[in-house]
Amino acid sequence: LLRQLDKRDALPPELVRGVRAKAHLANIERLAGDAAQLAAYLRQLPDD
C-alpha cells in the first residue's frame, strides 16, 4: 500500500519513510530465525 500511495503523492514523504522502516523492521524480526529467508528478503530490498 505504501508503494501505491507514494506513487500518487498521497502521503508525506517523511511518513512514508517512517512507516516503511517500521514494516521492514517487523519483517526482519519475523524472519530472524531463518538465515536463508532473511537473506532472500534483504536481496529484494531496494537500496533506498
All heavy atoms as atom14 arrays in JSON, in Angstrom:
{
  "sequence": "LLRQLDKRDALPPELVRGVRAKAHLANIERLAGDAAQLAAYLRQLPDD",
  "atom14_mask": [
    [1, 1, 1, 1, 1, 1, 1, 1, 0, 0, 0, 0, 0, 0],
    [1, 1, 1, 1, 1, 1, 1, 1, 0, 0, 0, 0, 0, 0],
    [1, 1, 1, 1, 1, 1, 1, 1, 1, 1, 1, 0, 0, 0],
    [1, 1, 1, 1, 1, 1, 1, 1, 1, 0, 0, 0, 0, 0],
    [1, 1, 1, 1, 1, 1, 1, 1, 0, 0, 0, 0, 0, 0],
    [1, 1, 1, 1, 1, 1, 1, 1, 0, 0, 0, 0, 0, 0],
    [1, 1, 1, 1, 1, 1, 1, 1, 1, 0, 0, 0, 0, 0],
    [1, 1, 1, 1, 1, 1, 1, 1, 1, 1, 1, 0, 0, 0],
    [1, 1, 1, 1, 1, 1, 1, 1, 0, 0, 0, 0, 0, 0],
    [1, 1, 1, 1, 1, 0, 0, 0, 0, 0, 0, 0, 0, 0],
    [1, 1, 1, 1, 1, 1, 1, 1, 0, 0, 0, 0, 0, 0],
    [1, 1, 1, 1, 1, 1, 1, 0, 0, 0, 0, 0, 0, 0],
    [1, 1, 1, 1, 1, 1, 1, 0, 0, 0, 0, 0, 0, 0],
    [1, 1, 1, 1, 1, 1, 1, 1, 1, 0, 0, 0, 0, 0],
    [1, 1, 1, 1, 1, 1, 1, 1, 0, 0, 0, 0, 0, 0],
    [1, 1, 1, 1, 1, 1, 1, 0, 0, 0, 0, 0, 0, 0],
    [1, 1, 1, 1, 1, 1, 1, 1, 1, 1, 1, 0, 0, 0],
    [1, 1, 1, 1, 0, 0, 0, 0, 0, 0, 0, 0, 0, 0],
    [1, 1, 1, 1, 1, 1, 1, 0, 0, 0, 0, 0, 0, 0],
    [1, 1, 1, 1, 1, 1, 1, 1, 1, 1, 1, 0, 0, 0],
    [1, 1, 1, 1, 1, 0, 0, 0, 0, 0, 0, 0, 0, 0],
    [1, 1, 1, 1, 1, 1, 1, 1, 1, 0, 0, 0, 0, 0],
    [1, 1, 1, 1, 1, 0, 0, 0, 0, 0, 0, 0, 0, 0],
    [1, 1, 1, 1, 1, 1, 1, 1, 1, 1, 0, 0, 0, 0],
    [1, 1, 1, 1, 1, 1, 1, 1, 0, 0, 0, 0, 0, 0],
    [1, 1, 1, 1, 1, 0, 0, 0, 0, 0, 0, 0, 0, 0],
    [1, 1, 1, 1, 1, 1, 1, 1, 0, 0, 0, 0, 0, 0],
    [1, 1, 1, 1, 1, 1, 1, 1, 0, 0, 0, 0, 0, 0],
    [1, 1, 1, 1, 1, 1, 1, 1, 1, 0, 0, 0, 0, 0],
    [1, 1, 1, 1, 1, 1, 1, 1, 1, 1, 1, 0, 0, 0],
    [1, 1, 1, 1, 1, 1, 1, 1, 0, 0, 0, 0, 0, 0],
    [1, 1, 1, 1, 1, 0, 0, 0, 0, 0, 0, 0, 0, 0],
    [1, 1, 1, 1, 0, 0, 0, 0, 0, 0, 0, 0, 0, 0],
    [1, 1, 1, 1, 1, 1, 1, 1, 0, 0, 0, 0, 0, 0],
    [1, 1, 1, 1, 1, 0, 0, 0, 0, 0, 0, 0, 0, 0],
    [1, 1, 1, 1, 1, 0, 0, 0, 0, 0, 0, 0, 0, 0],
    [1, 1, 1, 1, 1, 1, 1, 1, 1, 0, 0, 0, 0, 0],
    [1, 1, 1, 1, 1, 1, 1, 1, 0, 0, 0, 0, 0, 0],
    [1, 1, 1, 1, 1, 0, 0, 0, 0, 0, 0, 0, 0, 0],
    [1, 1, 1, 1, 1, 0, 0, 0, 0, 0, 0, 0, 0, 0],
    [1, 1, 1, 1, 1, 1, 1, 1, 1, 1, 1, 1, 0, 0],
    [1, 1, 1, 1, 1, 1, 1, 1, 0, 0, 0, 0, 0, 0],
    [1, 1, 1, 1, 1, 1, 1, 1, 1, 1, 1, 0, 0, 0],
    [1, 1, 1, 1, 1, 1, 1, 1, 1, 0, 0, 0, 0, 0],
    [1, 1, 1, 1, 1, 1, 1, 1, 0, 0, 0, 0, 0, 0],
    [1, 1, 1, 1, 1, 1, 1, 0, 0, 0, 0, 0, 0, 0],
    [1, 1, 1, 1, 1, 1, 1, 1, 0, 0, 0, 0, 0, 0],
    [1, 1, 1, 1, 1, 1, 1, 1, 0, 0, 0, 0, 0, 0]
  ],
  "atom14_positions": [
    [[0.82, -1.22, 0.0], [0.0, 0.0, 0.0], [0.86, 1.26, 0.0], [0.51, 2.26, -0.65], [-0.92, -0.01, 1.22], [-2.09, -0.98, 1.17], [-2.77, -1.05, 2.53], [-3.09, -0.56, 0.11], [0.0, 0.0, 0.0], [0.0, 0.0, 0.0], [0.0, 0.0, 0.0], [0.0, 0.0, 0.0], [0.0, 0.0, 0.0], [0.0, 0.0, 0.0]],
    [[1.97, 1.23, 0.73], [2.85, 2.4, 0.75], [3.37, 2.73, -0.64], [3.46, 3.91, -1.02], [4.02, 2.15, 1.7], [3.76, 2.38, 3.19], [4.97, 1.97, 4.0], [3.4, 3.83, 3.46], [0.0, 0.0, 0.0], [0.0, 0.0, 0.0], [0.0, 0.0, 0.0], [0.0, 0.0, 0.0], [0.0, 0.0, 0.0], [0.0, 0.0, 0.0]],
    [[3.7, 1.71, -1.4], [4.21, 1.96, -2.75], [3.12, 2.58, -3.63], [3.38, 3.48, -4.42], [4.74, 0.67, -3.36], [5.99, 0.14, -2.63], [6.58, -1.09, -3.28], [7.74, -1.55, -2.54], [7.76, -2.65, -1.77], [6.66, -3.4, -1.66], [8.85, -3.01, -1.12], [0.0, 0.0, 0.0], [0.0, 0.0, 0.0], [0.0, 0.0, 0.0]],
    [[1.88, 2.11, -3.47], [0.78, 2.69, -4.25], [0.53, 4.14, -3.85], [0.37, 5.02, -4.72], [-0.5, 1.87, -4.02], [-0.44, 0.46, -4.56], [-1.73, -0.3, -4.31], [-2.8, 0.28, -4.26], [-1.64, -1.61, -4.14], [0.0, 0.0, 0.0], [0.0, 0.0, 0.0], [0.0, 0.0, 0.0], [0.0, 0.0, 0.0], [0.0, 0.0, 0.0]],
    [[0.49, 4.41, -2.55], [0.22, 5.76, -2.08], [1.37, 6.71, -2.41], [1.15, 7.89, -2.7], [-0.05, 5.74, -0.58], [-1.37, 5.08, -0.15], [-1.39, 4.84, 1.34], [-2.55, 5.94, -0.57], [0.0, 0.0, 0.0], [0.0, 0.0, 0.0], [0.0, 0.0, 0.0], [0.0, 0.0, 0.0], [0.0, 0.0, 0.0], [0.0, 0.0, 0.0]],
    [[2.59, 6.18, -2.36], [3.75, 7.03, -2.66], [3.74, 7.44, -4.13], [4.11, 8.58, -4.47], [5.03, 6.27, -2.3], [6.25, 7.19, -2.29], [6.08, 8.39, -2.01], [7.35, 6.71, -2.58], [0.0, 0.0, 0.0], [0.0, 0.0, 0.0], [0.0, 0.0, 0.0], [0.0, 0.0, 0.0], [0.0, 0.0, 0.0], [0.0, 0.0, 0.0]],
    [[3.33, 6.55, -5.01], [3.25, 6.89, -6.43], [2.25, 8.01, -6.69], [2.42, 8.81, -7.61], [2.87, 5.65, -7.25], [3.97, 4.62, -7.37], [3.49, 3.43, -8.18], [4.58, 2.36, -8.28], [4.1, 1.16, -9.03], [0.0, 0.0, 0.0], [0.0, 0.0, 0.0], [0.0, 0.0, 0.0], [0.0, 0.0, 0.0], [0.0, 0.0, 0.0]],
    [[1.21, 8.08, -5.88], [0.16, 9.1, -6.06], [0.4, 10.34, -5.2], [-0.45, 11.22, -5.15], [-1.2, 8.5, -5.71], [-1.55, 7.25, -6.5], [-2.93, 6.75, -6.14], [-3.23, 5.47, -6.77], [-4.41, 4.85, -6.69], [-5.39, 5.41, -6.0], [-4.62, 3.69, -7.27], [0.0, 0.0, 0.0], [0.0, 0.0, 0.0], [0.0, 0.0, 0.0]],
    [[1.55, 10.38, -4.51], [1.86, 11.51, -3.62], [0.74, 11.74, -2.62], [0.36, 12.88, -2.3], [2.1, 12.8, -4.42], [3.36, 12.72, -5.27], [4.31, 12.06, -4.82], [3.38, 13.29, -6.37], [0.0, 0.0, 0.0], [0.0, 0.0, 0.0], [0.0, 0.0, 0.0], [0.0, 0.0, 0.0], [0.0, 0.0, 0.0], [0.0, 0.0, 0.0]],
    [[0.21, 10.64, -2.09], [-0.93, 10.72, -1.18], [-0.52, 10.81, 0.28], [-1.38, 11.0, 1.14], [-1.83, 9.49, -1.37], [0.0, 0.0, 0.0], [0.0, 0.0, 0.0], [0.0, 0.0, 0.0], [0.0, 0.0, 0.0], [0.0, 0.0, 0.0], [0.0, 0.0, 0.0], [0.0, 0.0, 0.0], [0.0, 0.0, 0.0], [0.0, 0.0, 0.0]],
    [[0.77, 10.66, 0.58], [1.26, 10.73, 1.96], [2.52, 11.57, 1.99], [3.29, 11.6, 1.01], [1.56, 9.32, 2.5], [0.37, 8.39, 2.75], [0.88, 7.01, 3.15], [-0.56, 8.94, 3.81], [0.0, 0.0, 0.0], [0.0, 0.0, 0.0], [0.0, 0.0, 0.0], [0.0, 0.0, 0.0], [0.0, 0.0, 0.0], [0.0, 0.0, 0.0]],
    [[2.79, 12.25, 3.11], [4.05, 12.99, 3.23], [5.25, 12.04, 3.13], [5.2, 10.93, 3.67], [3.96, 13.63, 4.62], [2.51, 13.63, 4.96], [1.92, 12.43, 4.27], [0.0, 0.0, 0.0], [0.0, 0.0, 0.0], [0.0, 0.0, 0.0], [0.0, 0.0, 0.0], [0.0, 0.0, 0.0], [0.0, 0.0, 0.0], [0.0, 0.0, 0.0]],
    [[6.31, 12.44, 2.45], [7.48, 11.54, 2.28], [8.07, 11.06, 3.59], [8.46, 9.9, 3.71], [8.48, 12.41, 1.5], [7.65, 13.44, 0.81], [6.49, 13.72, 1.72], [0.0, 0.0, 0.0], [0.0, 0.0, 0.0], [0.0, 0.0, 0.0], [0.0, 0.0, 0.0], [0.0, 0.0, 0.0], [0.0, 0.0, 0.0], [0.0, 0.0, 0.0]],
    [[8.1, 11.94, 4.62], [8.67, 11.51, 5.89], [7.82, 10.43, 6.55], [8.34, 9.52, 7.2], [8.86, 12.7, 6.83], [7.59, 13.47, 7.16], [7.26, 14.55, 6.14], [7.9, 14.57, 5.06], [6.37, 15.37, 6.42], [0.0, 0.0, 0.0], [0.0, 0.0, 0.0], [0.0, 0.0, 0.0], [0.0, 0.0, 0.0], [0.0, 0.0, 0.0]],
    [[6.49, 10.52, 6.37], [5.61, 9.49, 6.91], [5.83, 8.17, 6.18], [5.87, 7.1, 6.81], [4.15, 9.93, 6.8], [3.11, 8.92, 7.29], [3.3, 8.61, 8.78], [1.7, 9.43, 7.04], [0.0, 0.0, 0.0], [0.0, 0.0, 0.0], [0.0, 0.0, 0.0], [0.0, 0.0, 0.0], [0.0, 0.0, 0.0], [0.0, 0.0, 0.0]],
    [[5.97, 8.24, 4.87], [6.22, 7.02, 4.08], [7.51, 6.35, 4.55], [7.55, 5.13, 4.76], [6.29, 7.36, 2.58], [6.74, 6.14, 1.78], [4.93, 7.84, 2.08], [0.0, 0.0, 0.0], [0.0, 0.0, 0.0], [0.0, 0.0, 0.0], [0.0, 0.0, 0.0], [0.0, 0.0, 0.0], [0.0, 0.0, 0.0], [0.0, 0.0, 0.0]],
    [[8.56, 7.14, 4.73], [9.85, 6.56, 5.16], [9.72, 5.92, 6.54], [10.25, 4.83, 6.77], [10.92, 7.65, 5.17], [11.36, 8.09, 3.78], [12.63, 8.92, 3.86], [12.41, 10.18, 4.56], [12.04, 11.31, 3.98], [11.85, 11.34, 2.67], [11.88, 12.41, 4.68], [0.0, 0.0, 0.0], [0.0, 0.0, 0.0], [0.0, 0.0, 0.0]],
    [[9.05, 6.59, 7.45], [8.93, 6.05, 8.81], [8.14, 4.76, 8.85], [8.56, 3.79, 9.49], [0.0, 0.0, 0.0], [0.0, 0.0, 0.0], [0.0, 0.0, 0.0], [0.0, 0.0, 0.0], [0.0, 0.0, 0.0], [0.0, 0.0, 0.0], [0.0, 0.0, 0.0], [0.0, 0.0, 0.0], [0.0, 0.0, 0.0], [0.0, 0.0, 0.0]],
    [[6.98, 4.73, 8.18], [6.15, 3.51, 8.19], [6.84, 2.38, 7.44], [6.79, 1.22, 7.84], [4.76, 3.81, 7.57], [3.93, 2.55, 7.5], [4.04, 4.86, 8.4], [0.0, 0.0, 0.0], [0.0, 0.0, 0.0], [0.0, 0.0, 0.0], [0.0, 0.0, 0.0], [0.0, 0.0, 0.0], [0.0, 0.0, 0.0], [0.0, 0.0, 0.0]],
    [[7.52, 2.72, 6.34], [8.24, 1.69, 5.58], [9.33, 1.07, 6.43], [9.52, -0.16, 6.43], [8.81, 2.33, 4.32], [9.59, 1.37, 3.44], [10.16, 2.12, 2.26], [9.12, 2.52, 1.34], [9.21, 3.54, 0.5], [10.29, 4.29, 0.49], [8.23, 3.82, -0.34], [0.0, 0.0, 0.0], [0.0, 0.0, 0.0], [0.0, 0.0, 0.0]],
    [[10.09, 1.91, 7.15], [11.14, 1.37, 8.01], [10.55, 0.47, 9.09], [11.09, -0.6, 9.39], [11.92, 2.52, 8.65], [0.0, 0.0, 0.0], [0.0, 0.0, 0.0], [0.0, 0.0, 0.0], [0.0, 0.0, 0.0], [0.0, 0.0, 0.0], [0.0, 0.0, 0.0], [0.0, 0.0, 0.0], [0.0, 0.0, 0.0], [0.0, 0.0, 0.0]],
    [[9.42, 0.9, 9.67], [8.76, 0.08, 10.69], [8.35, -1.27, 10.12], [8.5, -2.32, 10.78], [7.56, 0.83, 11.23], [6.84, 0.14, 12.37], [5.69, 0.99, 12.89], [4.98, 0.28, 14.04], [3.83, 1.1, 14.54], [0.0, 0.0, 0.0], [0.0, 0.0, 0.0], [0.0, 0.0, 0.0], [0.0, 0.0, 0.0], [0.0, 0.0, 0.0]],
    [[7.81, -1.27, 8.91], [7.39, -2.53, 8.28], [8.58, -3.45, 8.02], [8.52, -4.66, 8.29], [6.66, -2.22, 6.97], [0.0, 0.0, 0.0], [0.0, 0.0, 0.0], [0.0, 0.0, 0.0], [0.0, 0.0, 0.0], [0.0, 0.0, 0.0], [0.0, 0.0, 0.0], [0.0, 0.0, 0.0], [0.0, 0.0, 0.0], [0.0, 0.0, 0.0]],
    [[9.68, -2.89, 7.5], [10.85, -3.72, 7.25], [11.44, -4.27, 8.55], [11.85, -5.44, 8.61], [11.91, -2.91, 6.51], [11.59, -2.69, 5.06], [11.18, -3.7, 4.22], [11.63, -1.55, 4.29], [10.98, -3.22, 3.0], [11.23, -1.93, 3.02], [0.0, 0.0, 0.0], [0.0, 0.0, 0.0], [0.0, 0.0, 0.0], [0.0, 0.0, 0.0]],
    [[11.46, -3.45, 9.59], [11.99, -3.92, 10.87], [11.13, -5.06, 11.42], [11.66, -6.03, 11.99], [12.04, -2.77, 11.87], [13.1, -1.69, 11.58], [12.93, -0.51, 12.52], [14.5, -2.27, 11.72], [0.0, 0.0, 0.0], [0.0, 0.0, 0.0], [0.0, 0.0, 0.0], [0.0, 0.0, 0.0], [0.0, 0.0, 0.0], [0.0, 0.0, 0.0]],
    [[9.81, -4.94, 11.26], [8.93, -6.02, 11.73], [9.16, -7.3, 10.94], [9.18, -8.41, 11.51], [7.47, -5.57, 11.62], [0.0, 0.0, 0.0], [0.0, 0.0, 0.0], [0.0, 0.0, 0.0], [0.0, 0.0, 0.0], [0.0, 0.0, 0.0], [0.0, 0.0, 0.0], [0.0, 0.0, 0.0], [0.0, 0.0, 0.0], [0.0, 0.0, 0.0]],
    [[9.33, -7.19, 9.63], [9.59, -8.38, 8.81], [10.94, -8.99, 9.15], [11.09, -10.22, 9.17], [9.53, -8.0, 7.33], [8.11, -7.92, 6.81], [7.2, -8.52, 7.38], [7.91, -7.17, 5.75], [0.0, 0.0, 0.0], [0.0, 0.0, 0.0], [0.0, 0.0, 0.0], [0.0, 0.0, 0.0], [0.0, 0.0, 0.0], [0.0, 0.0, 0.0]],
    [[11.94, -8.16, 9.41], [13.26, -8.67, 9.79], [13.17, -9.43, 11.11], [13.76, -10.51, 11.27], [14.28, -7.52, 9.87], [14.59, -7.01, 8.46], [15.56, -7.96, 10.57], [15.37, -5.71, 8.43], [0.0, 0.0, 0.0], [0.0, 0.0, 0.0], [0.0, 0.0, 0.0], [0.0, 0.0, 0.0], [0.0, 0.0, 0.0], [0.0, 0.0, 0.0]],
    [[12.42, -8.87, 12.04], [12.25, -9.56, 13.33], [11.52, -10.89, 13.13], [11.85, -11.89, 13.78], [11.46, -8.66, 14.27], [11.28, -9.26, 15.66], [10.52, -8.32, 16.59], [10.16, -7.21, 16.16], [10.27, -8.71, 17.75], [0.0, 0.0, 0.0], [0.0, 0.0, 0.0], [0.0, 0.0, 0.0], [0.0, 0.0, 0.0], [0.0, 0.0, 0.0]],
    [[10.53, -10.91, 12.23], [9.78, -12.15, 11.98], [10.66, -13.21, 11.34], [10.5, -14.42, 11.62], [8.59, -11.82, 11.07], [7.78, -13.02, 10.64], [6.52, -12.57, 9.9], [6.82, -11.73, 8.77], [7.1, -12.18, 7.55], [7.13, -13.5, 7.32], [7.36, -11.35, 6.55], [0.0, 0.0, 0.0], [0.0, 0.0, 0.0], [0.0, 0.0, 0.0]],
    [[11.61, -12.79, 10.5], [12.47, -13.75, 9.79], [13.8, -13.98, 10.49], [14.67, -14.65, 9.94], [12.74, -13.23, 8.37], [11.51, -13.04, 7.47], [11.91, -12.35, 6.18], [10.84, -14.37, 7.18], [0.0, 0.0, 0.0], [0.0, 0.0, 0.0], [0.0, 0.0, 0.0], [0.0, 0.0, 0.0], [0.0, 0.0, 0.0], [0.0, 0.0, 0.0]],
    [[13.96, -13.44, 11.7], [15.25, -13.5, 12.37], [15.68, -14.92, 12.74], [16.84, -15.15, 13.08], [15.23, -12.63, 13.63], [0.0, 0.0, 0.0], [0.0, 0.0, 0.0], [0.0, 0.0, 0.0], [0.0, 0.0, 0.0], [0.0, 0.0, 0.0], [0.0, 0.0, 0.0], [0.0, 0.0, 0.0], [0.0, 0.0, 0.0], [0.0, 0.0, 0.0]],
    [[14.77, -15.87, 12.67], [15.13, -17.24, 13.0], [15.57, -18.07, 11.82], [15.93, -19.24, 11.99], [0.0, 0.0, 0.0], [0.0, 0.0, 0.0], [0.0, 0.0, 0.0], [0.0, 0.0, 0.0], [0.0, 0.0, 0.0], [0.0, 0.0, 0.0], [0.0, 0.0, 0.0], [0.0, 0.0, 0.0], [0.0, 0.0, 0.0], [0.0, 0.0, 0.0]],
    [[15.5, -17.52, 10.61], [15.85, -18.29, 9.4], [16.78, -17.44, 8.54], [16.36, -16.48, 7.9], [14.57, -18.64, 8.63], [14.83, -19.64, 7.52], [15.87, -19.53, 6.84], [13.97, -20.53, 7.31], [0.0, 0.0, 0.0], [0.0, 0.0, 0.0], [0.0, 0.0, 0.0], [0.0, 0.0, 0.0], [0.0, 0.0, 0.0], [0.0, 0.0, 0.0]],
    [[18.05, -17.82, 8.52], [19.04, -17.02, 7.8], [18.77, -17.0, 6.3], [18.95, -15.97, 5.64], [20.44, -17.58, 8.07], [0.0, 0.0, 0.0], [0.0, 0.0, 0.0], [0.0, 0.0, 0.0], [0.0, 0.0, 0.0], [0.0, 0.0, 0.0], [0.0, 0.0, 0.0], [0.0, 0.0, 0.0], [0.0, 0.0, 0.0], [0.0, 0.0, 0.0]],
    [[18.33, -18.12, 5.73], [18.1, -18.18, 4.28], [16.95, -17.25, 3.88], [17.06, -16.49, 2.91], [17.8, -19.61, 3.86], [0.0, 0.0, 0.0], [0.0, 0.0, 0.0], [0.0, 0.0, 0.0], [0.0, 0.0, 0.0], [0.0, 0.0, 0.0], [0.0, 0.0, 0.0], [0.0, 0.0, 0.0], [0.0, 0.0, 0.0], [0.0, 0.0, 0.0]],
    [[15.83, -17.32, 4.62], [14.7, -16.46, 4.29], [15.04, -14.99, 4.5], [14.64, -14.12, 3.71], [13.48, -16.84, 5.13], [12.86, -18.18, 4.75], [11.55, -18.41, 5.48], [10.96, -17.5, 6.05], [11.08, -19.66, 5.46], [0.0, 0.0, 0.0], [0.0, 0.0, 0.0], [0.0, 0.0, 0.0], [0.0, 0.0, 0.0], [0.0, 0.0, 0.0]],
    [[15.78, -14.71, 5.57], [16.15, -13.32, 5.84], [17.06, -12.78, 4.74], [16.88, -11.65, 4.27], [16.84, -13.23, 7.2], [17.31, -11.84, 7.63], [16.15, -10.85, 7.65], [17.98, -11.9, 9.0], [0.0, 0.0, 0.0], [0.0, 0.0, 0.0], [0.0, 0.0, 0.0], [0.0, 0.0, 0.0], [0.0, 0.0, 0.0], [0.0, 0.0, 0.0]],
    [[18.03, -13.59, 4.31], [18.92, -13.15, 3.24], [18.16, -12.93, 1.94], [18.42, -11.96, 1.2], [20.03, -14.18, 3.03], [0.0, 0.0, 0.0], [0.0, 0.0, 0.0], [0.0, 0.0, 0.0], [0.0, 0.0, 0.0], [0.0, 0.0, 0.0], [0.0, 0.0, 0.0], [0.0, 0.0, 0.0], [0.0, 0.0, 0.0], [0.0, 0.0, 0.0]],
    [[17.18, -13.82, 1.65], [16.38, -13.66, 0.44], [15.54, -12.38, 0.51], [15.39, -11.65, -0.48], [15.48, -14.87, 0.24], [0.0, 0.0, 0.0], [0.0, 0.0, 0.0], [0.0, 0.0, 0.0], [0.0, 0.0, 0.0], [0.0, 0.0, 0.0], [0.0, 0.0, 0.0], [0.0, 0.0, 0.0], [0.0, 0.0, 0.0], [0.0, 0.0, 0.0]],
    [[15.01, -12.1, 1.69], [14.2, -10.88, 1.87], [15.07, -9.64, 1.66], [14.64, -8.67, 1.01], [13.6, -10.88, 3.27], [12.77, -9.66, 3.59], [11.45, -9.56, 3.15], [13.3, -8.59, 4.32], [10.68, -8.45, 3.44], [12.53, -7.47, 4.6], [11.22, -7.4, 4.15], [10.47, -6.3, 4.43], [0.0, 0.0, 0.0], [0.0, 0.0, 0.0]],
    [[16.27, -9.66, 2.18], [17.15, -8.5, 2.06], [17.64, -8.3, 0.64], [17.88, -7.17, 0.21], [18.34, -8.65, 3.01], [17.97, -8.64, 4.5], [19.17, -9.0, 5.35], [17.41, -7.27, 4.9], [0.0, 0.0, 0.0], [0.0, 0.0, 0.0], [0.0, 0.0, 0.0], [0.0, 0.0, 0.0], [0.0, 0.0, 0.0], [0.0, 0.0, 0.0]],
    [[17.77, -9.38, -0.13], [18.24, -9.24, -1.51], [17.23, -8.49, -2.37], [17.62, -7.76, -3.28], [18.54, -10.63, -2.11], [19.9, -11.19, -1.71], [20.3, -12.37, -2.58], [19.39, -13.5, -2.42], [19.55, -14.45, -1.49], [20.59, -14.4, -0.66], [18.71, -15.46, -1.41], [0.0, 0.0, 0.0], [0.0, 0.0, 0.0], [0.0, 0.0, 0.0]],
    [[15.94, -8.68, -2.1], [14.93, -7.98, -2.9], [14.58, -6.61, -2.35], [13.73, -5.91, -2.89], [13.66, -8.85, -3.0], [13.05, -9.27, -1.67], [12.11, -8.23, -1.08], [11.41, -7.56, -1.82], [12.07, -8.12, 0.24], [0.0, 0.0, 0.0], [0.0, 0.0, 0.0], [0.0, 0.0, 0.0], [0.0, 0.0, 0.0], [0.0, 0.0, 0.0]],
    [[15.28, -6.21, -1.27], [15.0, -4.91, -0.66], [15.72, -3.81, -1.44], [16.94, -3.85, -1.58], [15.49, -4.93, 0.79], [15.01, -3.8, 1.71], [13.51, -3.87, 1.89], [15.69, -3.91, 3.07], [0.0, 0.0, 0.0], [0.0, 0.0, 0.0], [0.0, 0.0, 0.0], [0.0, 0.0, 0.0], [0.0, 0.0, 0.0], [0.0, 0.0, 0.0]],
    [[14.99, -2.8, -1.95], [15.66, -1.7, -2.69], [16.63, -0.94, -1.78], [16.44, -0.85, -0.57], [14.49, -0.8, -3.12], [13.27, -1.67, -3.06], [13.53, -2.65, -1.95], [0.0, 0.0, 0.0], [0.0, 0.0, 0.0], [0.0, 0.0, 0.0], [0.0, 0.0, 0.0], [0.0, 0.0, 0.0], [0.0, 0.0, 0.0], [0.0, 0.0, 0.0]],
    [[17.66, -0.4, -2.39], [18.67, 0.32, -1.62], [18.1, 1.51, -0.86], [18.52, 1.82, 0.26], [19.81, 0.8, -2.54], [20.63, -0.37, -3.07], [20.65, -1.42, -2.4], [21.25, -0.22, -4.13], [0.0, 0.0, 0.0], [0.0, 0.0, 0.0], [0.0, 0.0, 0.0], [0.0, 0.0, 0.0], [0.0, 0.0, 0.0], [0.0, 0.0, 0.0]],
    [[17.11, 2.19, -1.47], [16.57, 3.4, -0.83], [15.63, 3.07, 0.32], [15.09, 3.98, 0.95], [15.85, 4.28, -1.85], [14.68, 3.54, -2.51], [14.57, 2.32, -2.34], [13.89, 4.2, -3.21], [0.0, 0.0, 0.0], [0.0, 0.0, 0.0], [0.0, 0.0, 0.0], [0.0, 0.0, 0.0], [0.0, 0.0, 0.0], [0.0, 0.0, 0.0]]
  ]
}
